[in-house]
Amino acid sequence: MSSFKEGVLEYNGLTIRYAESGEGQPVVVFPAGEGALLDDVAAALALQHRVIVLDAPTSGVGKVQDFAKNLAQAFAGLGVVSFSVIGVSQGTTLALAQTIYTPEQVQRLVLLSPPLALVQHPELGARLREVKAPTLVLVGTRDRSGSREAGHRCREQIPACHLLLVYDAGQVIAADRREACLSPIGEFLEQGEGFIVSHESQMIRP
């Protein structure tokens, strides 16, 4: 994790701290909350990708459409015009907004433990069918927070979406089953819709 360098994204009044590491296709991570920029999953992904982890707020951003468009312009300042997006728990709202409102930039979407509030969001919940990017949703079988219902809603409404249930994982899915998350995420980032088509099983067991 020491290989991550920190910086600040700025555009049109938007100011967000970020940490970056790795080379290759960019992957933008919206964590579960502010403050903790890094985890070992981001570090592992940075071995194969250019990973940008945002210290983005999970609430109080105003119109998420404006936020997403400003963020895309800020990324352009880093030379990032095409990227995949990973949202974790509360961070899935901004990840989904980025995918819906800047579809030409987002190549893949990964949602880990999406809260039920995501699919009930007044601005985003009715727009799931507009998601153009291949989408992977991971939910732990021990997660009782509503994530499984949210995951099924995403699977039903997002055109190219695959739902994986990770055995014996709770809401903090990456901490509970790190390798079980990393393997399909890495494969999905490489294959996109090809991953969705070829994977019939929805359960990852030990």
N, C-alpha and C. Protein backbone atom coordinates (compact mmCIF):
# COMPACT_ATOMS: atom_id res chain seq x y z
N MET A 1 0.81 -1.20 0.00
CA MET A 1 0.00 0.00 0.00
C MET A 1 0.85 1.26 0.00
N SER A 2 2.12 1.09 0.34
CA SER A 2 3.00 2.26 0.34
C SER A 2 3.23 2.79 -1.07
N SER A 3 2.91 1.98 -2.08
CA SER A 3 3.11 2.42 -3.46
C SER A 3 2.04 3.40 -3.92
N PHE A 4 0.98 3.57 -3.13
CA PHE A 4 -0.06 4.52 -3.48
C PHE A 4 0.42 5.94 -3.24
N LYS A 5 0.17 6.80 -4.21
CA LYS A 5 0.47 8.22 -4.03
C LYS A 5 -0.86 8.98 -3.94
N GLU A 6 -0.87 10.02 -3.14
CA GLU A 6 -2.11 10.76 -2.92
C GLU A 6 -2.11 12.07 -3.69
N GLY A 7 -3.30 12.53 -4.03
CA GLY A 7 -3.45 13.79 -4.74
C GLY A 7 -4.85 14.34 -4.51
N VAL A 8 -5.17 15.41 -5.22
CA VAL A 8 -6.47 16.04 -5.09
C VAL A 8 -7.04 16.30 -6.48
N LEU A 9 -8.28 15.85 -6.70
CA LEU A 9 -9.00 16.13 -7.94
C LEU A 9 -9.81 17.41 -7.76
N GLU A 10 -9.73 18.30 -8.75
CA GLU A 10 -10.48 19.55 -8.66
C GLU A 10 -11.07 19.89 -10.03
N TYR A 11 -12.34 20.27 -10.01
CA TYR A 11 -12.99 20.75 -11.23
C TYR A 11 -14.31 21.41 -10.86
N ASN A 12 -14.49 22.64 -11.30
CA ASN A 12 -15.78 23.34 -11.17
C ASN A 12 -16.32 23.30 -9.74
N GLY A 13 -15.45 23.53 -8.78
CA GLY A 13 -15.87 23.53 -7.39
C GLY A 13 -15.79 22.18 -6.70
N LEU A 14 -15.55 21.12 -7.46
CA LEU A 14 -15.41 19.79 -6.88
C LEU A 14 -13.98 19.59 -6.39
N THR A 15 -13.83 19.15 -5.16
CA THR A 15 -12.51 18.86 -4.60
C THR A 15 -12.58 17.52 -3.87
N ILE A 16 -11.80 16.55 -4.35
CA ILE A 16 -11.81 15.21 -3.76
C ILE A 16 -10.38 14.70 -3.64
N ARG A 17 -10.05 14.23 -2.47
CA ARG A 17 -8.76 13.59 -2.26
C ARG A 17 -8.80 12.18 -2.85
N TYR A 18 -7.67 11.73 -3.38
CA TYR A 18 -7.61 10.38 -3.94
C TYR A 18 -6.25 9.76 -3.70
N ALA A 19 -6.18 8.45 -3.86
CA ALA A 19 -4.91 7.73 -3.83
C ALA A 19 -4.83 6.87 -5.08
N GLU A 20 -3.65 6.76 -5.65
CA GLU A 20 -3.49 6.08 -6.94
C GLU A 20 -2.27 5.18 -6.94
N SER A 21 -2.41 4.04 -7.62
CA SER A 21 -1.28 3.13 -7.78
C SER A 21 -1.53 2.24 -8.99
N GLY A 22 -0.45 1.73 -9.55
CA GLY A 22 -0.55 0.74 -10.61
C GLY A 22 -0.58 1.34 -12.00
N GLU A 23 -0.53 0.45 -12.98
CA GLU A 23 -0.58 0.83 -14.39
C GLU A 23 -1.58 -0.05 -15.12
N GLY A 24 -2.02 0.41 -16.28
CA GLY A 24 -2.98 -0.34 -17.07
C GLY A 24 -4.31 0.36 -17.14
N GLN A 25 -5.37 -0.41 -17.45
CA GLN A 25 -6.70 0.15 -17.57
C GLN A 25 -7.14 0.74 -16.23
N PRO A 26 -7.58 2.00 -16.20
CA PRO A 26 -7.96 2.63 -14.92
C PRO A 26 -9.19 1.99 -14.29
N VAL A 27 -9.14 1.87 -12.97
CA VAL A 27 -10.27 1.40 -12.17
C VAL A 27 -10.48 2.41 -11.04
N VAL A 28 -11.67 3.00 -11.00
CA VAL A 28 -12.00 4.00 -10.00
C VAL A 28 -12.81 3.34 -8.89
N VAL A 29 -12.38 3.52 -7.64
CA VAL A 29 -13.03 2.88 -6.50
C VAL A 29 -13.71 3.94 -5.63
N PHE A 30 -15.02 3.72 -5.38
CA PHE A 30 -15.77 4.53 -4.43
C PHE A 30 -15.92 3.70 -3.15
N PRO A 31 -15.14 3.98 -2.10
CA PRO A 31 -15.19 3.16 -0.88
C PRO A 31 -16.50 3.33 -0.12
N ALA A 32 -16.62 2.58 0.97
CA ALA A 32 -17.84 2.60 1.77
C ALA A 32 -18.03 3.92 2.51
N GLY A 33 -16.95 4.64 2.77
CA GLY A 33 -17.07 5.90 3.50
C GLY A 33 -15.84 6.75 3.34
N GLU A 34 -15.90 7.96 3.86
CA GLU A 34 -14.78 8.89 3.75
C GLU A 34 -13.67 8.50 4.72
N GLY A 35 -12.46 8.92 4.40
CA GLY A 35 -11.35 8.82 5.33
C GLY A 35 -10.41 7.67 5.05
N ALA A 36 -10.93 6.44 4.98
CA ALA A 36 -10.07 5.27 4.77
C ALA A 36 -9.91 5.02 3.27
N LEU A 37 -8.85 5.56 2.69
CA LEU A 37 -8.69 5.47 1.24
C LEU A 37 -8.29 4.08 0.77
N LEU A 38 -7.51 3.37 1.55
CA LEU A 38 -6.88 2.17 1.02
C LEU A 38 -7.33 0.91 1.75
N ASP A 39 -7.40 -0.18 1.01
CA ASP A 39 -7.52 -1.50 1.61
C ASP A 39 -6.73 -2.47 0.75
N ASP A 40 -6.60 -3.70 1.23
CA ASP A 40 -5.73 -4.63 0.50
C ASP A 40 -6.35 -5.10 -0.81
N VAL A 41 -7.66 -4.97 -0.96
CA VAL A 41 -8.27 -5.32 -2.25
C VAL A 41 -7.85 -4.32 -3.32
N ALA A 42 -7.90 -3.03 -2.98
CA ALA A 42 -7.44 -2.01 -3.93
C ALA A 42 -5.97 -2.23 -4.26
N ALA A 43 -5.17 -2.56 -3.25
CA ALA A 43 -3.75 -2.79 -3.48
C ALA A 43 -3.54 -3.99 -4.40
N ALA A 44 -4.32 -5.04 -4.22
CA ALA A 44 -4.18 -6.23 -5.06
C ALA A 44 -4.59 -5.93 -6.50
N LEU A 45 -5.66 -5.17 -6.69
CA LEU A 45 -6.08 -4.81 -8.04
C LEU A 45 -5.04 -3.94 -8.73
N ALA A 46 -4.30 -3.16 -7.95
CA ALA A 46 -3.29 -2.26 -8.52
C ALA A 46 -2.10 -3.02 -9.11
N LEU A 47 -2.02 -4.32 -8.87
CA LEU A 47 -0.96 -5.11 -9.49
C LEU A 47 -1.21 -5.28 -10.98
N GLN A 48 -2.49 -5.15 -11.40
CA GLN A 48 -2.85 -5.35 -12.81
C GLN A 48 -3.48 -4.12 -13.45
N HIS A 49 -3.90 -3.15 -12.65
CA HIS A 49 -4.64 -2.00 -13.15
C HIS A 49 -4.13 -0.69 -12.54
N ARG A 50 -4.50 0.39 -13.16
CA ARG A 50 -4.28 1.71 -12.56
C ARG A 50 -5.48 1.99 -11.66
N VAL A 51 -5.28 1.90 -10.37
CA VAL A 51 -6.38 2.01 -9.41
C VAL A 51 -6.39 3.41 -8.78
N ILE A 52 -7.54 4.05 -8.83
CA ILE A 52 -7.73 5.38 -8.24
C ILE A 52 -8.83 5.26 -7.20
N VAL A 53 -8.46 5.39 -5.92
CA VAL A 53 -9.41 5.26 -4.83
C VAL A 53 -9.79 6.66 -4.36
N LEU A 54 -11.09 6.96 -4.36
CA LEU A 54 -11.56 8.30 -4.04
C LEU A 54 -11.98 8.42 -2.57
N ASP A 55 -11.66 9.55 -1.98
CA ASP A 55 -12.16 9.88 -0.65
C ASP A 55 -13.44 10.69 -0.83
N ALA A 56 -14.41 10.08 -1.51
CA ALA A 56 -15.63 10.79 -1.89
C ALA A 56 -16.67 10.70 -0.79
N PRO A 57 -17.45 11.75 -0.59
CA PRO A 57 -18.53 11.69 0.41
C PRO A 57 -19.62 10.73 -0.03
N THR A 58 -20.26 10.08 0.93
CA THR A 58 -21.36 9.16 0.60
C THR A 58 -22.72 9.85 0.72
N SER A 59 -22.71 11.11 1.11
CA SER A 59 -23.96 11.88 1.19
C SER A 59 -23.62 13.36 1.08
N GLY A 60 -24.63 14.17 0.81
CA GLY A 60 -24.43 15.61 0.79
C GLY A 60 -23.69 16.13 -0.42
N VAL A 61 -23.75 15.42 -1.55
CA VAL A 61 -23.02 15.86 -2.75
C VAL A 61 -23.91 16.70 -3.67
N GLY A 62 -25.17 16.91 -3.28
CA GLY A 62 -26.09 17.64 -4.15
C GLY A 62 -26.62 16.72 -5.24
N LYS A 63 -26.82 17.24 -6.43
CA LYS A 63 -27.31 16.42 -7.53
C LYS A 63 -26.22 15.47 -7.99
N VAL A 64 -26.52 14.18 -7.93
CA VAL A 64 -25.49 13.20 -8.29
C VAL A 64 -25.14 13.29 -9.77
N GLN A 65 -26.04 13.79 -10.60
CA GLN A 65 -25.74 13.95 -12.02
C GLN A 65 -24.62 14.98 -12.20
N ASP A 66 -24.72 16.11 -11.51
CA ASP A 66 -23.69 17.13 -11.60
C ASP A 66 -22.37 16.62 -11.05
N PHE A 67 -22.45 15.88 -9.94
CA PHE A 67 -21.25 15.33 -9.33
C PHE A 67 -20.52 14.42 -10.32
N ALA A 68 -21.28 13.52 -10.96
CA ALA A 68 -20.68 12.56 -11.88
C ALA A 68 -20.03 13.26 -13.06
N LYS A 69 -20.68 14.26 -13.61
CA LYS A 69 -20.14 14.94 -14.78
C LYS A 69 -18.91 15.77 -14.41
N ASN A 70 -18.93 16.41 -13.25
CA ASN A 70 -17.75 17.15 -12.81
C ASN A 70 -16.58 16.20 -12.54
N LEU A 71 -16.89 15.05 -11.96
CA LEU A 71 -15.83 14.08 -11.66
C LEU A 71 -15.19 13.56 -12.95
N ALA A 72 -16.00 13.31 -13.96
CA ALA A 72 -15.46 12.85 -15.24
C ALA A 72 -14.50 13.88 -15.83
N GLN A 73 -14.84 15.14 -15.71
CA GLN A 73 -13.95 16.20 -16.20
C GLN A 73 -12.68 16.27 -15.36
N ALA A 74 -12.80 16.05 -14.06
CA ALA A 74 -11.62 16.05 -13.20
C ALA A 74 -10.69 14.90 -13.56
N PHE A 75 -11.27 13.72 -13.87
CA PHE A 75 -10.45 12.59 -14.29
C PHE A 75 -9.69 12.91 -15.57
N ALA A 76 -10.32 13.65 -16.47
CA ALA A 76 -9.66 14.00 -17.72
C ALA A 76 -8.36 14.74 -17.45
N GLY A 77 -8.33 15.49 -16.34
CA GLY A 77 -7.10 16.19 -15.96
C GLY A 77 -5.98 15.24 -15.58
N LEU A 78 -6.34 14.00 -15.24
CA LEU A 78 -5.33 12.97 -14.94
C LEU A 78 -5.02 12.13 -16.17
N GLY A 79 -5.64 12.48 -17.29
CA GLY A 79 -5.46 11.68 -18.50
C GLY A 79 -6.31 10.44 -18.51
N VAL A 80 -7.35 10.41 -17.68
CA VAL A 80 -8.23 9.24 -17.57
C VAL A 80 -9.55 9.58 -18.25
N VAL A 81 -9.80 8.98 -19.40
CA VAL A 81 -11.04 9.26 -20.14
C VAL A 81 -11.93 8.03 -20.25
N SER A 82 -11.40 6.87 -19.91
CA SER A 82 -12.16 5.62 -19.95
C SER A 82 -11.74 4.78 -18.76
N PHE A 83 -12.71 4.26 -18.00
CA PHE A 83 -12.35 3.58 -16.76
C PHE A 83 -13.48 2.64 -16.33
N SER A 84 -13.14 1.71 -15.46
CA SER A 84 -14.12 0.88 -14.79
C SER A 84 -14.38 1.46 -13.41
N VAL A 85 -15.52 1.10 -12.82
CA VAL A 85 -15.94 1.69 -11.55
C VAL A 85 -16.29 0.58 -10.57
N ILE A 86 -15.80 0.72 -9.34
CA ILE A 86 -16.16 -0.20 -8.25
C ILE A 86 -16.76 0.64 -7.12
N GLY A 87 -17.95 0.26 -6.69
CA GLY A 87 -18.60 0.90 -5.55
C GLY A 87 -18.75 -0.09 -4.42
N VAL A 88 -18.45 0.35 -3.20
CA VAL A 88 -18.52 -0.51 -2.02
C VAL A 88 -19.56 0.03 -1.05
N SER A 89 -20.59 -0.76 -0.77
CA SER A 89 -21.62 -0.39 0.20
C SER A 89 -22.19 1.00 -0.11
N GLN A 90 -22.03 1.96 0.80
CA GLN A 90 -22.58 3.30 0.58
C GLN A 90 -21.97 3.98 -0.65
N GLY A 91 -20.78 3.55 -1.04
CA GLY A 91 -20.13 4.13 -2.21
C GLY A 91 -20.76 3.69 -3.53
N THR A 92 -21.70 2.73 -3.48
CA THR A 92 -22.32 2.27 -4.71
C THR A 92 -23.21 3.33 -5.35
N THR A 93 -23.72 4.26 -4.56
CA THR A 93 -24.59 5.30 -5.12
C THR A 93 -23.84 6.15 -6.13
N LEU A 94 -22.67 6.64 -5.75
CA LEU A 94 -21.89 7.46 -6.66
C LEU A 94 -21.32 6.63 -7.81
N ALA A 95 -21.02 5.36 -7.55
CA ALA A 95 -20.54 4.48 -8.63
C ALA A 95 -21.62 4.30 -9.69
N LEU A 96 -22.86 4.07 -9.24
CA LEU A 96 -23.97 3.91 -10.17
C LEU A 96 -24.25 5.20 -10.92
N ALA A 97 -24.22 6.33 -10.21
CA ALA A 97 -24.44 7.62 -10.86
C ALA A 97 -23.40 7.88 -11.93
N GLN A 98 -22.14 7.55 -11.65
CA GLN A 98 -21.08 7.74 -12.63
C GLN A 98 -21.37 6.93 -13.89
N THR A 99 -21.86 5.72 -13.70
CA THR A 99 -22.14 4.82 -14.83
C THR A 99 -23.32 5.30 -15.66
N ILE A 100 -24.34 5.82 -14.99
CA ILE A 100 -25.54 6.28 -15.70
C ILE A 100 -25.30 7.60 -16.43
N TYR A 101 -24.61 8.52 -15.77
CA TYR A 101 -24.52 9.88 -16.32
C TYR A 101 -23.29 10.13 -17.19
N THR A 102 -22.30 9.24 -17.13
CA THR A 102 -21.16 9.35 -18.04
C THR A 102 -20.93 7.99 -18.71
N PRO A 103 -21.93 7.49 -19.43
CA PRO A 103 -21.84 6.13 -19.98
C PRO A 103 -20.71 5.94 -20.98
N GLU A 104 -20.30 7.02 -21.64
CA GLU A 104 -19.24 6.89 -22.62
C GLU A 104 -17.88 6.68 -21.96
N GLN A 105 -17.76 6.99 -20.67
CA GLN A 105 -16.50 6.81 -19.96
C GLN A 105 -16.40 5.46 -19.24
N VAL A 106 -17.51 4.96 -18.71
CA VAL A 106 -17.46 3.79 -17.83
C VAL A 106 -17.54 2.49 -18.64
N GLN A 107 -16.53 1.65 -18.49
CA GLN A 107 -16.44 0.39 -19.22
C GLN A 107 -17.03 -0.80 -18.47
N ARG A 108 -16.86 -0.86 -17.16
CA ARG A 108 -17.37 -1.94 -16.31
C ARG A 108 -17.86 -1.31 -15.00
N LEU A 109 -18.84 -1.97 -14.38
CA LEU A 109 -19.35 -1.53 -13.08
C LEU A 109 -19.38 -2.72 -12.13
N VAL A 110 -18.77 -2.54 -10.95
CA VAL A 110 -18.78 -3.56 -9.91
C VAL A 110 -19.41 -2.96 -8.66
N LEU A 111 -20.42 -3.64 -8.11
CA LEU A 111 -21.10 -3.19 -6.89
C LEU A 111 -20.92 -4.24 -5.81
N LEU A 112 -20.31 -3.87 -4.68
CA LEU A 112 -20.13 -4.77 -3.55
C LEU A 112 -21.08 -4.37 -2.43
N SER A 113 -21.91 -5.32 -2.00
CA SER A 113 -22.85 -5.09 -0.91
C SER A 113 -23.67 -3.82 -1.10
N PRO A 114 -24.37 -3.68 -2.22
CA PRO A 114 -25.16 -2.46 -2.43
C PRO A 114 -26.30 -2.38 -1.41
N PRO A 115 -26.49 -1.24 -0.77
CA PRO A 115 -27.60 -1.13 0.18
C PRO A 115 -28.93 -1.04 -0.54
N LEU A 116 -30.00 -1.37 0.17
CA LEU A 116 -31.33 -1.30 -0.42
C LEU A 116 -31.64 0.13 -0.87
N ALA A 117 -31.06 1.10 -0.17
CA ALA A 117 -31.28 2.50 -0.53
C ALA A 117 -30.81 2.82 -1.94
N LEU A 118 -29.89 2.03 -2.47
CA LEU A 118 -29.39 2.29 -3.82
C LEU A 118 -30.51 2.16 -4.85
N VAL A 119 -31.25 1.06 -4.79
CA VAL A 119 -32.30 0.83 -5.78
C VAL A 119 -33.56 1.63 -5.46
N GLN A 120 -33.60 2.25 -4.28
CA GLN A 120 -34.72 3.11 -3.91
C GLN A 120 -34.37 4.59 -4.06
N HIS A 121 -33.17 4.87 -4.55
CA HIS A 121 -32.71 6.25 -4.68
C HIS A 121 -33.65 7.02 -5.61
N PRO A 122 -34.11 8.21 -5.19
CA PRO A 122 -35.10 8.93 -6.00
C PRO A 122 -34.63 9.31 -7.39
N GLU A 123 -33.32 9.47 -7.56
CA GLU A 123 -32.79 9.87 -8.86
C GLU A 123 -32.27 8.70 -9.69
N LEU A 124 -31.87 7.63 -9.02
CA LEU A 124 -31.20 6.54 -9.73
C LEU A 124 -32.02 5.25 -9.81
N GLY A 125 -32.89 5.02 -8.83
CA GLY A 125 -33.60 3.75 -8.76
C GLY A 125 -34.39 3.41 -10.00
N ALA A 126 -34.96 4.43 -10.64
CA ALA A 126 -35.79 4.18 -11.83
C ALA A 126 -34.97 4.15 -13.11
N ARG A 127 -33.64 4.32 -12.98
CA ARG A 127 -32.82 4.41 -14.19
C ARG A 127 -31.86 3.23 -14.34
N LEU A 128 -32.10 2.17 -13.60
CA LEU A 128 -31.21 1.00 -13.68
C LEU A 128 -31.14 0.44 -15.10
N ARG A 129 -32.25 0.48 -15.82
CA ARG A 129 -32.27 -0.07 -17.18
C ARG A 129 -31.41 0.75 -18.15
N GLU A 130 -31.00 1.94 -17.72
CA GLU A 130 -30.17 2.78 -18.58
C GLU A 130 -28.68 2.47 -18.47
N VAL A 131 -28.32 1.59 -17.53
CA VAL A 131 -26.91 1.24 -17.36
C VAL A 131 -26.43 0.47 -18.58
N LYS A 132 -25.45 1.00 -19.26
CA LYS A 132 -24.92 0.38 -20.47
C LYS A 132 -23.73 -0.53 -20.19
N ALA A 133 -23.01 -0.27 -19.13
CA ALA A 133 -21.79 -1.03 -18.84
C ALA A 133 -22.13 -2.41 -18.30
N PRO A 134 -21.39 -3.45 -18.69
CA PRO A 134 -21.52 -4.74 -18.04
C PRO A 134 -21.32 -4.57 -16.53
N THR A 135 -22.16 -5.24 -15.75
CA THR A 135 -22.20 -5.00 -14.30
C THR A 135 -22.08 -6.31 -13.53
N LEU A 136 -21.27 -6.28 -12.46
CA LEU A 136 -21.11 -7.41 -11.55
C LEU A 136 -21.50 -6.95 -10.15
N VAL A 137 -22.41 -7.70 -9.51
CA VAL A 137 -22.84 -7.40 -8.15
C VAL A 137 -22.45 -8.56 -7.25
N LEU A 138 -21.77 -8.26 -6.13
CA LEU A 138 -21.38 -9.29 -5.17
C LEU A 138 -22.05 -9.01 -3.83
N VAL A 139 -22.69 -10.04 -3.28
CA VAL A 139 -23.39 -9.94 -2.00
C VAL A 139 -23.05 -11.15 -1.15
N GLY A 140 -22.78 -10.95 0.13
CA GLY A 140 -22.50 -12.06 1.03
C GLY A 140 -23.75 -12.78 1.46
N THR A 141 -23.67 -14.11 1.64
CA THR A 141 -24.84 -14.88 2.03
C THR A 141 -25.26 -14.58 3.48
N ARG A 142 -24.36 -14.04 4.30
CA ARG A 142 -24.70 -13.69 5.68
C ARG A 142 -25.09 -12.22 5.82
N ASP A 143 -25.15 -11.50 4.72
CA ASP A 143 -25.52 -10.08 4.74
C ASP A 143 -27.03 -9.95 4.93
N ARG A 144 -27.45 -9.36 6.04
CA ARG A 144 -28.87 -9.18 6.33
C ARG A 144 -29.28 -7.71 6.23
N SER A 145 -28.49 -6.91 5.54
CA SER A 145 -28.72 -5.47 5.49
C SER A 145 -29.71 -5.04 4.40
N GLY A 146 -30.10 -5.98 3.54
CA GLY A 146 -30.94 -5.63 2.39
C GLY A 146 -30.18 -5.67 1.09
N SER A 147 -28.89 -5.98 1.16
CA SER A 147 -28.06 -6.01 -0.05
C SER A 147 -28.49 -7.09 -1.04
N ARG A 148 -28.97 -8.23 -0.50
CA ARG A 148 -29.37 -9.29 -1.42
C ARG A 148 -30.58 -8.84 -2.26
N GLU A 149 -31.55 -8.18 -1.62
CA GLU A 149 -32.69 -7.67 -2.37
C GLU A 149 -32.25 -6.64 -3.40
N ALA A 150 -31.33 -5.76 -2.99
CA ALA A 150 -30.81 -4.75 -3.92
C ALA A 150 -30.09 -5.41 -5.08
N GLY A 151 -29.33 -6.47 -4.78
CA GLY A 151 -28.62 -7.18 -5.82
C GLY A 151 -29.55 -7.83 -6.83
N HIS A 152 -30.62 -8.44 -6.33
CA HIS A 152 -31.59 -9.06 -7.23
C HIS A 152 -32.29 -8.01 -8.09
N ARG A 153 -32.57 -6.84 -7.51
CA ARG A 153 -33.19 -5.78 -8.28
C ARG A 153 -32.25 -5.33 -9.41
N CYS A 154 -30.98 -5.20 -9.09
CA CYS A 154 -30.00 -4.83 -10.12
C CYS A 154 -29.95 -5.90 -11.20
N ARG A 155 -29.94 -7.18 -10.77
CA ARG A 155 -29.87 -8.28 -11.74
C ARG A 155 -31.07 -8.27 -12.68
N GLU A 156 -32.23 -7.92 -12.15
CA GLU A 156 -33.45 -7.93 -12.95
C GLU A 156 -33.53 -6.76 -13.92
N GLN A 157 -32.97 -5.60 -13.54
CA GLN A 157 -33.21 -4.39 -14.31
C GLN A 157 -32.02 -3.89 -15.13
N ILE A 158 -30.81 -4.16 -14.67
CA ILE A 158 -29.64 -3.74 -15.45
C ILE A 158 -29.45 -4.73 -16.60
N PRO A 159 -29.39 -4.27 -17.84
CA PRO A 159 -29.39 -5.17 -19.00
C PRO A 159 -28.31 -6.25 -18.98
N ALA A 160 -27.07 -5.89 -18.69
CA ALA A 160 -25.98 -6.88 -18.67
C ALA A 160 -25.42 -6.93 -17.25
N CYS A 161 -26.07 -7.74 -16.40
CA CYS A 161 -25.71 -7.77 -14.98
C CYS A 161 -25.64 -9.21 -14.49
N HIS A 162 -24.61 -9.50 -13.70
CA HIS A 162 -24.45 -10.82 -13.09
C HIS A 162 -24.36 -10.65 -11.59
N LEU A 163 -25.13 -11.43 -10.84
CA LEU A 163 -25.14 -11.39 -9.38
C LEU A 163 -24.43 -12.61 -8.83
N LEU A 164 -23.42 -12.38 -7.98
CA LEU A 164 -22.72 -13.46 -7.31
C LEU A 164 -22.98 -13.39 -5.81
N LEU A 165 -23.40 -14.50 -5.22
CA LEU A 165 -23.57 -14.61 -3.78
C LEU A 165 -22.33 -15.28 -3.21
N VAL A 166 -21.66 -14.58 -2.33
CA VAL A 166 -20.39 -15.08 -1.78
C VAL A 166 -20.67 -15.79 -0.45
N TYR A 167 -20.43 -17.09 -0.45
CA TYR A 167 -20.75 -17.93 0.70
C TYR A 167 -20.01 -17.49 1.95
N ASP A 168 -20.74 -17.43 3.07
CA ASP A 168 -20.20 -17.17 4.40
C ASP A 168 -19.55 -15.78 4.52
N ALA A 169 -20.04 -14.83 3.75
CA ALA A 169 -19.56 -13.45 3.86
C ALA A 169 -20.71 -12.57 4.34
N GLY A 170 -20.37 -11.57 5.15
CA GLY A 170 -21.36 -10.62 5.63
C GLY A 170 -21.35 -9.36 4.79
N GLN A 171 -21.74 -8.25 5.42
CA GLN A 171 -21.83 -6.99 4.67
C GLN A 171 -20.46 -6.48 4.25
N VAL A 172 -19.44 -6.70 5.11
CA VAL A 172 -18.08 -6.27 4.76
C VAL A 172 -17.44 -7.41 3.97
N ILE A 173 -17.91 -7.56 2.78
CA ILE A 173 -17.66 -8.77 1.99
C ILE A 173 -16.18 -8.96 1.64
N ALA A 174 -15.49 -7.87 1.33
CA ALA A 174 -14.09 -7.99 0.93
C ALA A 174 -13.20 -8.40 2.09
N ALA A 175 -13.56 -7.98 3.31
CA ALA A 175 -12.79 -8.37 4.49
C ALA A 175 -13.08 -9.82 4.87
N ASP A 176 -14.34 -10.23 4.74
CA ASP A 176 -14.72 -11.60 5.12
C ASP A 176 -14.18 -12.64 4.15
N ARG A 177 -14.23 -12.35 2.86
CA ARG A 177 -13.82 -13.32 1.84
C ARG A 177 -12.99 -12.60 0.77
N ARG A 178 -11.83 -12.16 1.14
CA ARG A 178 -11.00 -11.34 0.24
C ARG A 178 -10.74 -12.03 -1.10
N GLU A 179 -10.24 -13.25 -1.06
CA GLU A 179 -9.89 -13.93 -2.31
C GLU A 179 -11.12 -14.26 -3.14
N ALA A 180 -12.23 -14.58 -2.47
CA ALA A 180 -13.46 -14.89 -3.19
C ALA A 180 -14.00 -13.67 -3.91
N CYS A 181 -13.64 -12.48 -3.45
CA CYS A 181 -14.01 -11.25 -4.14
C CYS A 181 -13.02 -10.90 -5.25
N LEU A 182 -11.76 -11.01 -4.91
CA LEU A 182 -10.72 -10.59 -5.86
C LEU A 182 -10.76 -11.38 -7.16
N SER A 183 -10.93 -12.69 -7.06
CA SER A 183 -10.87 -13.52 -8.25
C SER A 183 -11.94 -13.15 -9.28
N PRO A 184 -13.23 -13.10 -8.91
CA PRO A 184 -14.22 -12.74 -9.93
C PRO A 184 -14.13 -11.29 -10.37
N ILE A 185 -13.74 -10.39 -9.47
CA ILE A 185 -13.61 -8.98 -9.87
C ILE A 185 -12.51 -8.83 -10.92
N GLY A 186 -11.37 -9.47 -10.67
CA GLY A 186 -10.28 -9.39 -11.63
C GLY A 186 -10.66 -9.99 -12.97
N GLU A 187 -11.34 -11.12 -12.93
CA GLU A 187 -11.77 -11.78 -14.17
C GLU A 187 -12.80 -10.91 -14.91
N PHE A 188 -13.72 -10.33 -14.14
CA PHE A 188 -14.76 -9.50 -14.75
C PHE A 188 -14.17 -8.24 -15.38
N LEU A 189 -13.20 -7.62 -14.74
CA LEU A 189 -12.58 -6.42 -15.30
C LEU A 189 -11.91 -6.71 -16.62
N GLU A 190 -11.44 -7.94 -16.78
CA GLU A 190 -10.80 -8.33 -18.03
C GLU A 190 -11.83 -8.69 -19.11
N GLN A 191 -12.90 -9.39 -18.72
CA GLN A 191 -13.81 -9.97 -19.70
C GLN A 191 -15.10 -9.20 -19.92
N GLY A 192 -15.55 -8.42 -18.92
CA GLY A 192 -16.78 -7.67 -19.08
C GLY A 192 -17.98 -8.57 -19.34
N GLU A 193 -18.69 -8.32 -20.41
CA GLU A 193 -19.90 -9.07 -20.71
C GLU A 193 -19.60 -10.53 -20.99
N GLY A 194 -18.39 -10.83 -21.45
CA GLY A 194 -18.00 -12.21 -21.65
C GLY A 194 -18.03 -13.00 -20.35
N PHE A 195 -17.68 -12.36 -19.25
CA PHE A 195 -17.75 -12.98 -17.92
C PHE A 195 -19.19 -13.31 -17.57
N ILE A 196 -20.09 -12.35 -17.81
CA ILE A 196 -21.50 -12.53 -17.47
C ILE A 196 -22.12 -13.68 -18.24
N VAL A 197 -21.80 -13.77 -19.52
CA VAL A 197 -22.37 -14.80 -20.37
C VAL A 197 -21.89 -16.19 -19.97
N SER A 198 -20.62 -16.31 -19.58
CA SER A 198 -20.03 -17.62 -19.36
C SER A 198 -20.21 -18.14 -17.94
N HIS A 199 -20.63 -17.30 -16.99
CA HIS A 199 -20.78 -17.73 -15.61
C HIS A 199 -22.25 -17.95 -15.27
N GLU A 200 -22.62 -19.21 -15.13
CA GLU A 200 -24.01 -19.54 -14.82
C GLU A 200 -24.24 -19.63 -13.31
N SER A 201 -23.27 -20.15 -12.57
CA SER A 201 -23.44 -20.31 -11.14
C SER A 201 -23.42 -18.94 -10.45
N GLN A 202 -24.30 -18.77 -9.48
CA GLN A 202 -24.37 -17.51 -8.75
C GLN A 202 -23.79 -17.60 -7.35
N MET A 203 -23.24 -18.74 -6.98
CA MET A 203 -22.73 -18.91 -5.62
C MET A 203 -21.25 -19.22 -5.64
N ILE A 204 -20.47 -18.43 -4.88
CA ILE A 204 -19.06 -18.72 -4.71
C ILE A 204 -18.89 -19.40 -3.36
N ARG A 205 -18.50 -20.66 -3.39
CA ARG A 205 -18.26 -21.41 -2.13
C ARG A 205 -16.76 -21.45 -1.86
N PRO A 206 -16.39 -21.89 -0.68
CA PRO A 206 -14.95 -21.95 -0.36
C PRO A 206 -14.17 -22.75 -1.38
